[in-house]
Amino acid sequence: MAEKIDNNKDFAVFEVFSQKNPKSPFVHQFSLLAPNHEMAMALARENFLRRESCTNLWVIKRDDIYVLPPEERKALERMDNKDYRETKGYGELQARWRYHREQYEKNASAKK
C-alpha cells in the first residue's frame, strides 16, 4: 500500500491586505497558501498587482491573528451610561444661535 503524502503540512495560510493610497485603510483581499512570509509576499504581488495598483501590501500568517474569544465579546458592548458622549443634542444648535443673534441685533437696533 502506498504511503499518503501530505503536501500542505509545510504550508501555512496567509491573509493578504492592500492599501490603495497612503490615506486609505487596509482592505482584506484574499487568502493564500505559502511555505513562508517571503513566498507569501511574492505570491500576493503576483496575484494582486496584476489586477490593480496599491501603495502597500501586507501578508499575515492566519495563525498569528488573535481573535477575541466569544466569551470576551460582551465587554465590547456599549455601556448604557455613556449618552453624554453622543451628539444627539446638537442638531438644533444652529437654529438656537440664529435666534439669539437675531434677538441681540433687534435689541441693539432698538437702543439706537
Protein backbone atom coordinates (compact mmCIF):
# COMPACT_ATOMS: atom_id res chain seq x y z
CA MET A 1 0.00 0.00 0.00
CA ALA A 2 1.33 3.43 -0.93
CA GLU A 3 2.10 5.89 1.85
CA LYS A 4 -0.11 9.02 1.82
CA ILE A 5 1.92 12.22 1.48
CA ASP A 6 0.54 15.46 2.96
CA ASN A 7 1.90 18.22 0.71
CA ASN A 8 0.23 21.01 2.72
CA LYS A 9 1.82 20.24 6.11
CA ASP A 10 4.72 22.63 5.48
CA PHE A 11 2.44 25.36 4.17
CA ALA A 12 0.52 27.99 6.13
CA VAL A 13 -2.48 30.12 5.28
CA PHE A 14 -1.65 33.81 4.82
CA GLU A 15 -4.14 36.67 4.65
CA VAL A 16 -3.40 39.43 2.13
CA PHE A 17 -4.33 43.07 2.79
CA SER A 18 -3.79 46.03 0.48
CA GLN A 19 -3.85 49.81 0.80
CA LYS A 20 -4.83 51.83 -2.30
CA ASN A 21 -3.19 55.09 -1.17
CA PRO A 22 -1.39 56.26 1.98
CA LYS A 23 -4.58 57.71 3.50
CA SER A 24 -6.90 54.77 2.80
CA PRO A 25 -7.42 51.86 5.20
CA PHE A 26 -6.07 48.37 4.60
CA VAL A 27 -8.62 46.04 3.00
CA HIS A 28 -8.58 42.24 3.08
CA GLN A 29 -8.14 40.87 -0.43
CA PHE A 30 -7.74 37.09 -0.27
CA SER A 31 -6.07 34.14 1.46
CA LEU A 32 -3.25 32.02 0.07
CA LEU A 33 -1.08 29.03 0.96
CA ALA A 34 2.67 29.54 1.19
CA PRO A 35 5.63 27.94 2.99
CA ASN A 36 6.88 31.26 4.48
CA HIS A 37 6.35 35.03 4.56
CA GLU A 38 8.69 35.73 1.64
CA MET A 39 6.91 33.32 -0.68
CA ALA A 40 3.53 34.62 0.52
CA MET A 41 4.56 38.16 -0.41
CA ALA A 42 5.79 37.04 -3.82
CA LEU A 43 2.52 35.20 -4.48
CA ALA A 44 0.46 38.15 -3.24
CA ARG A 45 2.32 40.53 -5.56
CA GLU A 46 1.92 38.18 -8.48
CA ASN A 47 -1.78 37.60 -7.89
CA PHE A 48 -2.91 41.02 -6.72
CA LEU A 49 -0.78 43.58 -8.54
CA ARG A 50 -1.76 42.19 -11.93
CA ARG A 51 -5.32 43.38 -11.26
CA GLU A 52 -4.85 46.76 -9.60
CA SER A 53 -2.20 49.01 -8.15
CA CYS A 54 -1.69 49.76 -4.47
CA THR A 55 0.73 51.64 -2.24
CA ASN A 56 1.17 48.95 0.42
CA LEU A 57 0.65 45.22 0.75
CA TRP A 58 0.55 43.10 3.91
CA VAL A 59 0.76 39.33 4.25
CA ILE A 60 -0.09 37.97 7.67
CA LYS A 61 0.01 34.38 8.79
CA ARG A 62 -3.52 33.43 9.79
CA ASP A 63 -2.26 31.69 12.93
CA ASP A 64 -0.72 34.99 14.09
CA ILE A 65 -4.05 36.82 14.05
CA TYR A 66 -5.54 36.95 17.52
CA VAL A 67 -9.32 36.82 17.60
CA LEU A 68 -11.28 37.91 20.64
CA PRO A 69 -12.95 34.82 22.14
CA PRO A 70 -16.77 34.82 22.11
CA GLU A 71 -16.99 34.95 25.91
CA GLU A 72 -14.97 38.20 25.95
CA ARG A 73 -17.02 39.94 23.23
CA LYS A 74 -19.60 41.10 25.78
CA ALA A 75 -17.01 43.57 27.04
CA LEU A 76 -17.22 45.35 23.67
CA GLU A 77 -20.89 46.23 24.15
CA ARG A 78 -21.62 49.84 24.83
CA MET A 79 -22.40 50.80 28.41
CA ASP A 80 -25.77 52.46 28.98
CA ASN A 81 -24.44 55.43 30.93
CA LYS A 82 -22.42 56.95 28.06
CA ASP A 83 -25.15 59.14 26.50
CA TYR A 84 -23.13 62.26 27.21
CA ARG A 85 -20.67 61.14 24.52
CA GLU A 86 -23.30 61.25 21.79
CA THR A 87 -24.03 64.40 19.80
CA LYS A 88 -27.80 63.98 19.63
CA GLY A 89 -28.46 67.28 21.47
CA TYR A 90 -26.58 69.43 18.94
CA GLY A 91 -28.97 69.11 15.99
CA GLU A 92 -30.80 72.37 16.64
CA LEU A 93 -27.75 74.32 17.81
CA GLN A 94 -27.50 76.38 14.61
CA ALA A 95 -31.16 77.44 14.88
CA ARG A 96 -30.65 78.43 18.53
CA TRP A 97 -27.62 80.58 17.65
CA ARG A 98 -29.56 82.23 14.82
CA TYR A 99 -32.47 83.02 17.19
CA HIS A 100 -30.18 84.57 19.83
CA ARG A 101 -28.24 86.57 17.23
CA GLU A 102 -31.49 87.96 15.82
CA GLN A 103 -32.66 88.86 19.33
CA TYR A 104 -29.35 90.59 20.05
CA GLU A 105 -29.47 92.52 16.78
CA LYS A 106 -33.10 93.51 17.41
CA ASN A 107 -32.23 94.78 20.90
CA ALA A 108 -29.15 96.60 19.63
CA SER A 109 -31.10 98.39 16.88
CA ALA A 110 -33.88 99.33 19.37
CA LYS A 111 -31.35 101.02 21.65
CA LYS A 112 -30.12 103.32 18.85
